[in-house]
Structures are given as C-alpha cells and as structure tokens.
Amino acid sequence: MSGNKKIVVTKEEAEVLLKKSKEKVVEPEKVEEPEEETIEEHIFKGAKKNSDTFADKAAQAAAQAALKTVVEANSELAIREAERAYFIEKKNHMLSKCRNSKKRAIIIPKLYEPYIGKVYTFSYNCIPVTIYPDGKPHEYPGFIADKIEKKLAKISASNTYKELIDDRTKDTF
C-alpha cells in the first residue's frame, strides 16, 4: 500500500519546486566501468590506505581460518570418539551376552582340517571365535555354536559331489 501514497503540495510550493528544477539541470553522472583487477587487488584495495587495517584484516582472516580448522578437527575427533564408544559398547554387550548364554559343546572332526586348517578364527559381532578341528569337544555360547554349525554345513555342502547326490535323490522319489 506504500506505492499509493499521495503527496499534497500547495500551489506556492509547486511554483518554487518548478523554478528550482528549471534553474538546475541535472546531468546524469558518468559511470566509469571498473578496471579488471586481480583477486589480490580486490581483497587488499581498502588495506592500501591504512596498514593497520591491513594487519587487522589479515589477523581476522587468519583467526577465521584457524577457527575453521579447529572446528573441523574437533568434529572429526568427536566422530572418532563416538565410533569408538559405539564399538566398545557393542563389544561389551556381546561379551555379556556370551557370559550369560548357555554353553554348548561342539566336536569338530579332523575331517575339516584340510579345509579350515588346524586353527580357524573368525569374528562374530566384534568377538573373535576360534575353532579347532581336532575331534575334541569345545564349549561355545549357544548362538556362536549355531554359527559354527552353519559354517561347517557350508563347508560340507561346498565339498560334496552335488551331481551324484542329485542323481540319487531323483531315483528315490
């Protein structure tokens, strides 16, 4: 609504304004095109007049760069600390789960030794698990024992002659 304002001028004021406008002919100012300048000239243009201003601007720029570096470093440290805390918490949870879980004895026959070696170690959710195919019973938490049995089943499945088994099953059905 500000564009619709009316200006009320008396007849005398209008005559005075008309005389002033006739007396002064306003010429448009010449606008010079700026010369092309380098980035350094543009940055330090105002600083050439006063060396204190230049020192202040340089100090301020250095402080801002240092602050940015510190903030980035702190955020990286915070991320690493959060990941580390998560990993430790996850490992502690899995260790307590291992302690509280019911133990099961598993016997891994020596038959598996050529496929997995004398000692086979794998990680189960941050917990290292080592199995020995020596034919002796070893106790493991229930959920890890299930994982070991699945691994052994995969080893067995990958080392059986599948076509022979498929032919035998076709004949029986």
N, C-alpha and C. Protein backbone atom coordinates (compact mmCIF):
# COMPACT_ATOMS: atom_id res chain seq x y z
N MET A 1 0.81 -1.18 0.00
CA MET A 1 0.00 0.00 0.00
C MET A 1 0.86 1.25 0.00
N SER A 2 2.14 1.13 0.23
CA SER A 2 3.02 2.29 0.30
C SER A 2 3.18 2.96 -1.05
N GLY A 3 2.94 2.28 -2.18
CA GLY A 3 3.08 2.85 -3.51
C GLY A 3 1.92 3.77 -3.86
N ASN A 4 0.84 3.73 -3.11
CA ASN A 4 -0.34 4.54 -3.41
C ASN A 4 -0.42 5.81 -2.58
N LYS A 5 0.65 6.25 -1.96
CA LYS A 5 0.61 7.46 -1.14
C LYS A 5 0.53 8.69 -2.04
N LYS A 6 -0.27 9.64 -1.63
CA LYS A 6 -0.40 10.90 -2.36
C LYS A 6 0.36 11.98 -1.62
N ILE A 7 1.08 12.79 -2.40
CA ILE A 7 1.81 13.90 -1.81
C ILE A 7 0.99 15.17 -2.08
N VAL A 8 0.68 15.87 -1.05
CA VAL A 8 -0.11 17.10 -1.17
C VAL A 8 0.85 18.29 -1.13
N VAL A 9 0.84 19.09 -2.20
CA VAL A 9 1.72 20.25 -2.29
C VAL A 9 0.83 21.47 -2.60
N THR A 10 1.11 22.54 -1.91
CA THR A 10 0.35 23.76 -2.19
C THR A 10 0.82 24.38 -3.49
N LYS A 11 0.06 25.34 -4.02
CA LYS A 11 0.37 25.97 -5.30
C LYS A 11 1.69 26.72 -5.21
N GLU A 12 1.94 27.36 -4.09
CA GLU A 12 3.18 28.13 -3.90
C GLU A 12 4.39 27.19 -3.87
N GLU A 13 4.26 26.10 -3.15
CA GLU A 13 5.37 25.13 -3.08
C GLU A 13 5.66 24.54 -4.45
N ALA A 14 4.62 24.30 -5.24
CA ALA A 14 4.81 23.75 -6.58
C ALA A 14 5.55 24.73 -7.47
N GLU A 15 5.23 26.04 -7.36
CA GLU A 15 5.93 27.04 -8.17
C GLU A 15 7.40 27.12 -7.79
N VAL A 16 7.70 27.03 -6.49
CA VAL A 16 9.09 27.07 -6.02
C VAL A 16 9.86 25.84 -6.54
N LEU A 17 9.26 24.70 -6.49
CA LEU A 17 9.91 23.48 -6.97
C LEU A 17 10.13 23.55 -8.48
N LEU A 18 9.18 24.17 -9.21
CA LEU A 18 9.31 24.29 -10.66
C LEU A 18 10.46 25.23 -11.02
N LYS A 19 10.60 26.34 -10.28
CA LYS A 19 11.70 27.27 -10.53
C LYS A 19 13.04 26.58 -10.27
N LYS A 20 13.13 25.85 -9.16
CA LYS A 20 14.38 25.17 -8.82
C LYS A 20 14.75 24.13 -9.87
N SER A 21 13.76 23.45 -10.36
CA SER A 21 14.06 22.42 -11.35
C SER A 21 14.52 23.03 -12.67
N LYS A 22 14.01 24.25 -13.02
CA LYS A 22 14.45 24.91 -14.24
C LYS A 22 15.84 25.48 -14.09
N GLU A 23 16.17 25.94 -12.87
CA GLU A 23 17.49 26.52 -12.63
C GLU A 23 18.58 25.44 -12.68
N LYS A 24 18.33 24.38 -12.09
CA LYS A 24 19.34 23.30 -12.03
C LYS A 24 18.98 22.23 -13.04
N VAL A 25 19.82 22.09 -13.99
CA VAL A 25 19.66 20.99 -14.93
C VAL A 25 20.57 19.88 -14.43
N VAL A 26 19.99 18.81 -14.12
CA VAL A 26 20.75 17.70 -13.55
C VAL A 26 21.25 16.82 -14.69
N GLU A 27 22.55 16.72 -14.76
CA GLU A 27 23.14 15.85 -15.77
C GLU A 27 23.40 14.50 -15.13
N PRO A 28 23.17 13.46 -15.87
CA PRO A 28 23.46 12.14 -15.28
C PRO A 28 24.97 11.99 -15.06
N GLU A 29 25.28 11.38 -13.96
CA GLU A 29 26.69 11.17 -13.63
C GLU A 29 27.28 10.13 -14.57
N LYS A 30 28.53 10.36 -14.90
CA LYS A 30 29.22 9.40 -15.74
C LYS A 30 29.64 8.23 -14.88
N VAL A 31 29.29 7.08 -15.33
CA VAL A 31 29.66 5.88 -14.60
C VAL A 31 30.83 5.24 -15.31
N GLU A 32 31.91 5.16 -14.59
CA GLU A 32 33.10 4.55 -15.18
C GLU A 32 33.04 3.05 -14.94
N GLU A 33 33.41 2.34 -15.97
CA GLU A 33 33.46 0.89 -15.80
C GLU A 33 34.69 0.55 -14.99
N PRO A 34 34.53 -0.33 -14.04
CA PRO A 34 35.69 -0.67 -13.22
C PRO A 34 36.72 -1.44 -14.05
N GLU A 35 37.97 -1.12 -13.76
CA GLU A 35 39.04 -1.84 -14.44
C GLU A 35 39.08 -3.26 -13.88
N GLU A 36 39.54 -4.15 -14.72
CA GLU A 36 39.67 -5.51 -14.23
C GLU A 36 40.81 -5.55 -13.24
N GLU A 37 40.55 -6.18 -12.13
CA GLU A 37 41.58 -6.26 -11.11
C GLU A 37 41.73 -7.70 -10.65
N THR A 38 42.87 -7.97 -10.13
CA THR A 38 43.12 -9.33 -9.66
C THR A 38 42.42 -9.52 -8.32
N ILE A 39 42.35 -10.74 -7.91
CA ILE A 39 41.70 -11.05 -6.63
C ILE A 39 42.46 -10.40 -5.49
N GLU A 40 43.80 -10.44 -5.57
CA GLU A 40 44.61 -9.85 -4.51
C GLU A 40 44.35 -8.35 -4.40
N GLU A 41 44.27 -7.66 -5.58
CA GLU A 41 44.00 -6.22 -5.57
C GLU A 41 42.63 -5.94 -4.95
N HIS A 42 41.65 -6.77 -5.29
CA HIS A 42 40.31 -6.57 -4.75
C HIS A 42 40.29 -6.76 -3.24
N ILE A 43 40.98 -7.78 -2.77
CA ILE A 43 40.98 -8.07 -1.33
C ILE A 43 41.71 -6.97 -0.56
N PHE A 44 42.83 -6.54 -1.10
CA PHE A 44 43.67 -5.59 -0.35
C PHE A 44 43.44 -4.13 -0.78
N LYS A 45 42.39 -3.85 -1.54
CA LYS A 45 42.13 -2.50 -2.04
C LYS A 45 42.01 -1.50 -0.89
N GLY A 46 41.18 -1.83 0.08
CA GLY A 46 40.99 -0.92 1.19
C GLY A 46 42.17 -0.89 2.14
N ALA A 47 42.96 -1.92 2.13
CA ALA A 47 44.07 -2.02 3.07
C ALA A 47 45.26 -1.18 2.65
N LYS A 48 45.33 -0.76 1.40
CA LYS A 48 46.47 0.02 0.94
C LYS A 48 46.52 1.38 1.62
N LYS A 49 45.36 1.92 1.99
CA LYS A 49 45.32 3.24 2.59
C LYS A 49 45.85 3.22 4.02
N ASN A 50 45.59 2.15 4.71
CA ASN A 50 45.95 2.13 6.11
C ASN A 50 46.55 0.77 6.44
N SER A 51 47.79 0.73 6.84
CA SER A 51 48.45 -0.54 7.10
C SER A 51 47.87 -1.24 8.33
N ASP A 52 47.34 -0.46 9.29
CA ASP A 52 46.72 -1.08 10.46
C ASP A 52 45.49 -1.87 10.04
N THR A 53 44.72 -1.33 9.11
CA THR A 53 43.53 -2.02 8.61
C THR A 53 43.94 -3.32 7.94
N PHE A 54 45.02 -3.26 7.18
CA PHE A 54 45.52 -4.47 6.51
C PHE A 54 45.91 -5.52 7.54
N ALA A 55 46.63 -5.11 8.56
CA ALA A 55 47.05 -6.05 9.61
C ALA A 55 45.83 -6.64 10.32
N ASP A 56 44.83 -5.79 10.57
CA ASP A 56 43.61 -6.27 11.23
C ASP A 56 42.89 -7.29 10.36
N LYS A 57 42.77 -6.96 9.05
CA LYS A 57 42.08 -7.88 8.15
C LYS A 57 42.84 -9.20 8.02
N ALA A 58 44.16 -9.11 7.94
CA ALA A 58 44.96 -10.33 7.85
C ALA A 58 44.83 -11.17 9.11
N ALA A 59 44.86 -10.51 10.25
CA ALA A 59 44.72 -11.23 11.53
C ALA A 59 43.34 -11.86 11.63
N GLN A 60 42.32 -11.12 11.20
CA GLN A 60 40.96 -11.64 11.26
C GLN A 60 40.81 -12.84 10.33
N ALA A 61 41.38 -12.77 9.13
CA ALA A 61 41.30 -13.89 8.19
C ALA A 61 42.04 -15.11 8.74
N ALA A 62 43.21 -14.87 9.34
CA ALA A 62 43.97 -15.98 9.94
C ALA A 62 43.20 -16.61 11.09
N ALA A 63 42.56 -15.77 11.90
CA ALA A 63 41.78 -16.29 13.03
C ALA A 63 40.59 -17.11 12.54
N GLN A 64 39.93 -16.63 11.49
CA GLN A 64 38.79 -17.38 10.95
C GLN A 64 39.25 -18.72 10.38
N ALA A 65 40.39 -18.73 9.67
CA ALA A 65 40.91 -19.98 9.12
C ALA A 65 41.28 -20.94 10.24
N ALA A 66 41.91 -20.42 11.29
CA ALA A 66 42.29 -21.26 12.42
C ALA A 66 41.05 -21.83 13.12
N LEU A 67 40.04 -20.99 13.28
CA LEU A 67 38.80 -21.43 13.92
C LEU A 67 38.13 -22.52 13.10
N LYS A 68 38.11 -22.34 11.78
CA LYS A 68 37.52 -23.35 10.91
C LYS A 68 38.27 -24.68 11.03
N THR A 69 39.60 -24.60 11.06
CA THR A 69 40.41 -25.81 11.20
C THR A 69 40.14 -26.50 12.52
N VAL A 70 40.04 -25.72 13.59
CA VAL A 70 39.78 -26.29 14.92
C VAL A 70 38.41 -26.96 14.96
N VAL A 71 37.41 -26.29 14.37
CA VAL A 71 36.05 -26.86 14.36
C VAL A 71 36.04 -28.17 13.58
N GLU A 72 36.70 -28.19 12.42
CA GLU A 72 36.74 -29.43 11.63
C GLU A 72 37.47 -30.54 12.38
N ALA A 73 38.59 -30.19 13.02
CA ALA A 73 39.35 -31.19 13.78
C ALA A 73 38.52 -31.72 14.94
N ASN A 74 37.83 -30.81 15.62
CA ASN A 74 37.00 -31.24 16.75
C ASN A 74 35.86 -32.14 16.28
N SER A 75 35.27 -31.82 15.13
CA SER A 75 34.17 -32.67 14.66
C SER A 75 34.69 -34.04 14.25
N GLU A 76 35.89 -34.10 13.64
CA GLU A 76 36.47 -35.40 13.30
C GLU A 76 36.78 -36.19 14.56
N LEU A 77 37.33 -35.51 15.56
CA LEU A 77 37.62 -36.19 16.83
C LEU A 77 36.33 -36.68 17.49
N ALA A 78 35.31 -35.86 17.45
CA ALA A 78 34.03 -36.25 18.06
C ALA A 78 33.46 -37.46 17.34
N ILE A 79 33.56 -37.48 16.03
CA ILE A 79 33.06 -38.64 15.27
C ILE A 79 33.84 -39.89 15.62
N ARG A 80 35.18 -39.76 15.66
CA ARG A 80 36.00 -40.92 16.02
C ARG A 80 35.70 -41.41 17.43
N GLU A 81 35.52 -40.47 18.36
CA GLU A 81 35.20 -40.85 19.74
C GLU A 81 33.84 -41.54 19.82
N ALA A 82 32.86 -41.03 19.05
CA ALA A 82 31.54 -41.65 19.05
C ALA A 82 31.60 -43.06 18.47
N GLU A 83 32.36 -43.23 17.38
CA GLU A 83 32.51 -44.57 16.79
C GLU A 83 33.21 -45.51 17.76
N ARG A 84 34.23 -44.99 18.42
CA ARG A 84 34.97 -45.81 19.39
C ARG A 84 34.06 -46.22 20.55
N ALA A 85 33.28 -45.26 21.06
CA ALA A 85 32.37 -45.56 22.17
C ALA A 85 31.32 -46.58 21.73
N TYR A 86 30.81 -46.45 20.51
CA TYR A 86 29.83 -47.41 19.99
C TYR A 86 30.45 -48.79 19.90
N PHE A 87 31.66 -48.88 19.36
CA PHE A 87 32.34 -50.17 19.23
C PHE A 87 32.55 -50.81 20.60
N ILE A 88 33.00 -50.02 21.56
CA ILE A 88 33.24 -50.56 22.91
C ILE A 88 31.93 -51.02 23.54
N GLU A 89 30.89 -50.23 23.37
CA GLU A 89 29.58 -50.61 23.93
C GLU A 89 29.06 -51.90 23.29
N LYS A 90 29.23 -51.99 21.96
CA LYS A 90 28.78 -53.19 21.24
C LYS A 90 29.57 -54.41 21.71
N LYS A 91 30.88 -54.25 21.87
CA LYS A 91 31.72 -55.36 22.31
C LYS A 91 31.35 -55.79 23.73
N ASN A 92 31.14 -54.81 24.61
CA ASN A 92 30.74 -55.14 25.99
C ASN A 92 29.39 -55.87 26.02
N HIS A 93 28.47 -55.44 25.15
CA HIS A 93 27.16 -56.10 25.07
C HIS A 93 27.33 -57.56 24.62
N MET A 94 28.16 -57.76 23.59
CA MET A 94 28.37 -59.12 23.09
C MET A 94 29.09 -59.99 24.13
N LEU A 95 30.04 -59.41 24.85
CA LEU A 95 30.73 -60.18 25.90
C LEU A 95 29.76 -60.60 27.00
N SER A 96 28.89 -59.68 27.41
CA SER A 96 27.90 -60.05 28.45
C SER A 96 26.93 -61.09 27.91
N LYS A 97 26.59 -60.99 26.62
CA LYS A 97 25.70 -61.99 26.01
C LYS A 97 26.40 -63.35 26.00
N CYS A 98 27.71 -63.37 25.72
CA CYS A 98 28.47 -64.64 25.73
C CYS A 98 28.52 -65.23 27.14
N ARG A 99 28.72 -64.37 28.15
CA ARG A 99 28.80 -64.86 29.52
C ARG A 99 27.46 -65.44 30.00
N ASN A 100 26.37 -64.78 29.59
CA ASN A 100 25.05 -65.17 30.08
C ASN A 100 24.39 -66.27 29.25
N SER A 101 24.90 -66.54 28.07
CA SER A 101 24.30 -67.54 27.20
C SER A 101 24.67 -68.94 27.67
N LYS A 102 23.77 -69.86 27.41
CA LYS A 102 24.01 -71.25 27.77
C LYS A 102 25.09 -71.83 26.84
N LYS A 103 26.03 -72.55 27.41
CA LYS A 103 27.15 -73.11 26.65
C LYS A 103 26.76 -74.45 26.03
N ARG A 104 27.30 -74.69 24.81
CA ARG A 104 27.09 -75.96 24.13
C ARG A 104 28.44 -76.50 23.69
N ALA A 105 28.61 -77.79 23.85
CA ALA A 105 29.84 -78.43 23.40
C ALA A 105 29.70 -78.84 21.95
N ILE A 106 30.72 -78.53 21.16
CA ILE A 106 30.73 -78.90 19.74
C ILE A 106 32.01 -79.67 19.48
N ILE A 107 31.85 -80.77 18.74
CA ILE A 107 33.01 -81.56 18.33
C ILE A 107 33.17 -81.36 16.82
N ILE A 108 34.33 -80.87 16.44
CA ILE A 108 34.61 -80.67 15.01
C ILE A 108 35.59 -81.76 14.59
N PRO A 109 35.15 -82.65 13.73
CA PRO A 109 36.01 -83.77 13.34
C PRO A 109 37.27 -83.31 12.60
N LYS A 110 38.30 -84.16 12.65
CA LYS A 110 39.55 -83.86 11.96
C LYS A 110 39.37 -83.82 10.45
N LEU A 111 38.26 -84.32 9.99
CA LEU A 111 37.93 -84.31 8.57
C LEU A 111 37.94 -82.89 7.99
N TYR A 112 37.62 -81.88 8.82
CA TYR A 112 37.56 -80.50 8.36
C TYR A 112 38.92 -79.81 8.31
N GLU A 113 39.94 -80.42 8.88
CA GLU A 113 41.26 -79.78 8.97
C GLU A 113 41.84 -79.38 7.61
N PRO A 114 41.72 -80.18 6.54
CA PRO A 114 42.26 -79.73 5.25
C PRO A 114 41.54 -78.50 4.70
N TYR A 115 40.32 -78.25 5.12
CA TYR A 115 39.54 -77.14 4.58
C TYR A 115 39.65 -75.86 5.39
N ILE A 116 39.80 -75.99 6.72
CA ILE A 116 39.85 -74.78 7.55
C ILE A 116 41.18 -74.63 8.29
N GLY A 117 42.05 -75.60 8.21
CA GLY A 117 43.33 -75.52 8.90
C GLY A 117 43.26 -76.08 10.31
N LYS A 118 44.40 -76.08 11.00
CA LYS A 118 44.43 -76.60 12.37
C LYS A 118 43.69 -75.69 13.34
N VAL A 119 43.72 -74.39 13.04
CA VAL A 119 43.01 -73.41 13.87
C VAL A 119 42.28 -72.48 12.91
N TYR A 120 41.01 -72.24 13.18
CA TYR A 120 40.22 -71.33 12.34
C TYR A 120 39.61 -70.27 13.24
N THR A 121 39.91 -68.99 12.94
CA THR A 121 39.39 -67.88 13.74
C THR A 121 38.54 -66.98 12.86
N PHE A 122 37.39 -66.59 13.39
CA PHE A 122 36.54 -65.63 12.70
C PHE A 122 35.96 -64.68 13.74
N SER A 123 35.40 -63.58 13.27
CA SER A 123 34.82 -62.59 14.17
C SER A 123 33.30 -62.66 14.10
N TYR A 124 32.68 -62.70 15.25
CA TYR A 124 31.22 -62.69 15.33
C TYR A 124 30.81 -61.46 16.13
N ASN A 125 30.37 -60.41 15.44
CA ASN A 125 29.98 -59.15 16.09
C ASN A 125 31.02 -58.68 17.11
N CYS A 126 32.22 -58.48 16.64
CA CYS A 126 33.35 -57.95 17.43
C CYS A 126 33.97 -58.98 18.37
N ILE A 127 33.46 -60.17 18.42
CA ILE A 127 34.01 -61.20 19.30
C ILE A 127 34.79 -62.20 18.47
N PRO A 128 36.09 -62.33 18.72
CA PRO A 128 36.86 -63.34 17.98
C PRO A 128 36.50 -64.75 18.46
N VAL A 129 36.26 -65.65 17.52
CA VAL A 129 35.91 -67.03 17.83
C VAL A 129 36.92 -67.93 17.15
N THR A 130 37.52 -68.83 17.90
CA THR A 130 38.50 -69.76 17.35
C THR A 130 37.98 -71.17 17.51
N ILE A 131 38.04 -71.92 16.41
CA ILE A 131 37.60 -73.31 16.46
C ILE A 131 38.78 -74.21 16.08
N TYR A 132 38.78 -75.41 16.65
CA TYR A 132 39.85 -76.38 16.43
C TYR A 132 39.25 -77.68 15.89
N PRO A 133 39.58 -78.05 14.67
CA PRO A 133 39.07 -79.33 14.15
C PRO A 133 39.96 -80.49 14.61
N ASP A 134 39.86 -80.80 15.91
CA ASP A 134 40.74 -81.84 16.47
C ASP A 134 39.97 -83.04 16.99
N GLY A 135 38.66 -83.03 16.84
CA GLY A 135 37.86 -84.17 17.28
C GLY A 135 37.54 -84.15 18.77
N LYS A 136 37.91 -83.10 19.47
CA LYS A 136 37.63 -82.99 20.90
C LYS A 136 36.48 -82.01 21.11
N PRO A 137 35.72 -82.18 22.19
CA PRO A 137 34.62 -81.23 22.45
C PRO A 137 35.14 -79.89 22.96
N HIS A 138 34.59 -78.81 22.41
CA HIS A 138 34.91 -77.45 22.87
C HIS A 138 33.59 -76.74 23.14
N GLU A 139 33.55 -75.95 24.24
CA GLU A 139 32.32 -75.27 24.62
C GLU A 139 32.28 -73.86 24.05
N TYR A 140 31.10 -73.52 23.52
CA TYR A 140 30.86 -72.20 22.95
C TYR A 140 29.48 -71.73 23.41
N PRO A 141 29.24 -70.41 23.47
CA PRO A 141 27.88 -69.93 23.75
C PRO A 141 26.92 -70.43 22.68
N GLY A 142 25.67 -70.59 23.01
CA GLY A 142 24.68 -71.19 22.12
C GLY A 142 24.59 -70.52 20.75
N PHE A 143 24.53 -69.20 20.70
CA PHE A 143 24.38 -68.51 19.42
C PHE A 143 25.63 -68.63 18.56
N ILE A 144 26.80 -68.72 19.20
CA ILE A 144 28.05 -68.91 18.43
C ILE A 144 28.14 -70.35 17.95
N ALA A 145 27.67 -71.29 18.78
CA ALA A 145 27.65 -72.69 18.36
C ALA A 145 26.76 -72.87 17.12
N ASP A 146 25.64 -72.16 17.08
CA ASP A 146 24.78 -72.20 15.88
C ASP A 146 25.52 -71.69 14.66
N LYS A 147 26.25 -70.60 14.83
CA LYS A 147 27.02 -70.02 13.72
C LYS A 147 28.10 -71.00 13.25
N ILE A 148 28.77 -71.66 14.18
CA ILE A 148 29.81 -72.63 13.81
C ILE A 148 29.19 -73.78 13.02
N GLU A 149 28.04 -74.28 13.47
CA GLU A 149 27.38 -75.37 12.76
C GLU A 149 26.98 -74.95 11.34
N LYS A 150 26.52 -73.71 11.17
CA LYS A 150 26.18 -73.22 9.83
C LYS A 150 27.43 -73.14 8.95
N LYS A 151 28.53 -72.68 9.52
CA LYS A 151 29.78 -72.62 8.75
C LYS A 151 30.23 -74.02 8.33
N LEU A 152 30.14 -74.96 9.24
CA LEU A 152 30.54 -76.33 8.91
C LEU A 152 29.62 -76.94 7.85
N ALA A 153 28.33 -76.60 7.92
CA ALA A 153 27.38 -77.10 6.91
C ALA A 153 27.72 -76.53 5.54
N LYS A 154 28.12 -75.25 5.48
CA LYS A 154 28.52 -74.66 4.20
C LYS A 154 29.78 -75.30 3.65
N ILE A 155 30.71 -75.59 4.54
CA ILE A 155 31.94 -76.26 4.11
C ILE A 155 31.60 -77.64 3.55
N SER A 156 30.74 -78.36 4.24
CA SER A 156 30.33 -79.69 3.77
C SER A 156 29.62 -79.61 2.43
N ALA A 157 28.73 -78.64 2.30
CA ALA A 157 27.97 -78.50 1.06
C ALA A 157 28.88 -78.13 -0.11
N SER A 158 29.89 -77.32 0.15
CA SER A 158 30.77 -76.91 -0.94
C SER A 158 31.75 -78.01 -1.35
N ASN A 159 31.91 -79.03 -0.52
CA ASN A 159 32.88 -80.07 -0.82
C ASN A 159 32.24 -81.42 -1.13
N THR A 160 30.96 -81.44 -1.41
CA THR A 160 30.31 -82.70 -1.79
C THR A 160 30.10 -82.72 -3.29
N TYR A 161 30.03 -83.87 -3.82
CA TYR A 161 29.82 -84.04 -5.25
C TYR A 161 28.32 -83.94 -5.49
N LYS A 162 27.87 -82.78 -5.93
CA LYS A 162 26.44 -82.48 -5.98
C LYS A 162 25.69 -83.29 -7.03
N GLU A 163 26.31 -83.54 -8.18
CA GLU A 163 25.60 -84.28 -9.21
C GLU A 163 25.28 -85.69 -8.75
N LEU A 164 26.20 -86.31 -8.03
CA LEU A 164 25.98 -87.66 -7.53
C LEU A 164 24.81 -87.67 -6.54
N ILE A 165 24.77 -86.68 -5.68
CA ILE A 165 23.69 -86.60 -4.70
C ILE A 165 22.37 -86.34 -5.41
N ASP A 166 22.36 -85.46 -6.42
CA ASP A 166 21.13 -85.17 -7.16
C ASP A 166 20.61 -86.42 -7.88
N ASP A 167 21.52 -87.23 -8.45
CA ASP A 167 21.10 -88.43 -9.13
C ASP A 167 20.48 -89.42 -8.16
N ARG A 168 21.03 -89.53 -6.99
CA ARG A 168 20.50 -90.49 -6.01
C ARG A 168 19.12 -90.06 -5.52
N THR A 169 18.93 -88.74 -5.34
CA THR A 169 17.64 -88.27 -4.83
C THR A 169 16.56 -88.40 -5.90
N LYS A 170 16.92 -88.29 -7.17
CA LYS A 170 15.93 -88.45 -8.24
C LYS A 170 15.41 -89.89 -8.30
N ASP A 171 16.28 -90.84 -8.06
CA ASP A 171 15.89 -92.24 -8.12
C ASP A 171 14.97 -92.63 -6.98
N THR A 172 15.11 -92.01 -5.82
CA THR A 172 14.32 -92.41 -4.66
C THR A 172 12.92 -91.84 -4.68
N PHE A 173 12.68 -90.77 -5.40
CA PHE A 173 11.35 -90.15 -5.37
C PHE A 173 10.56 -90.61 -6.52
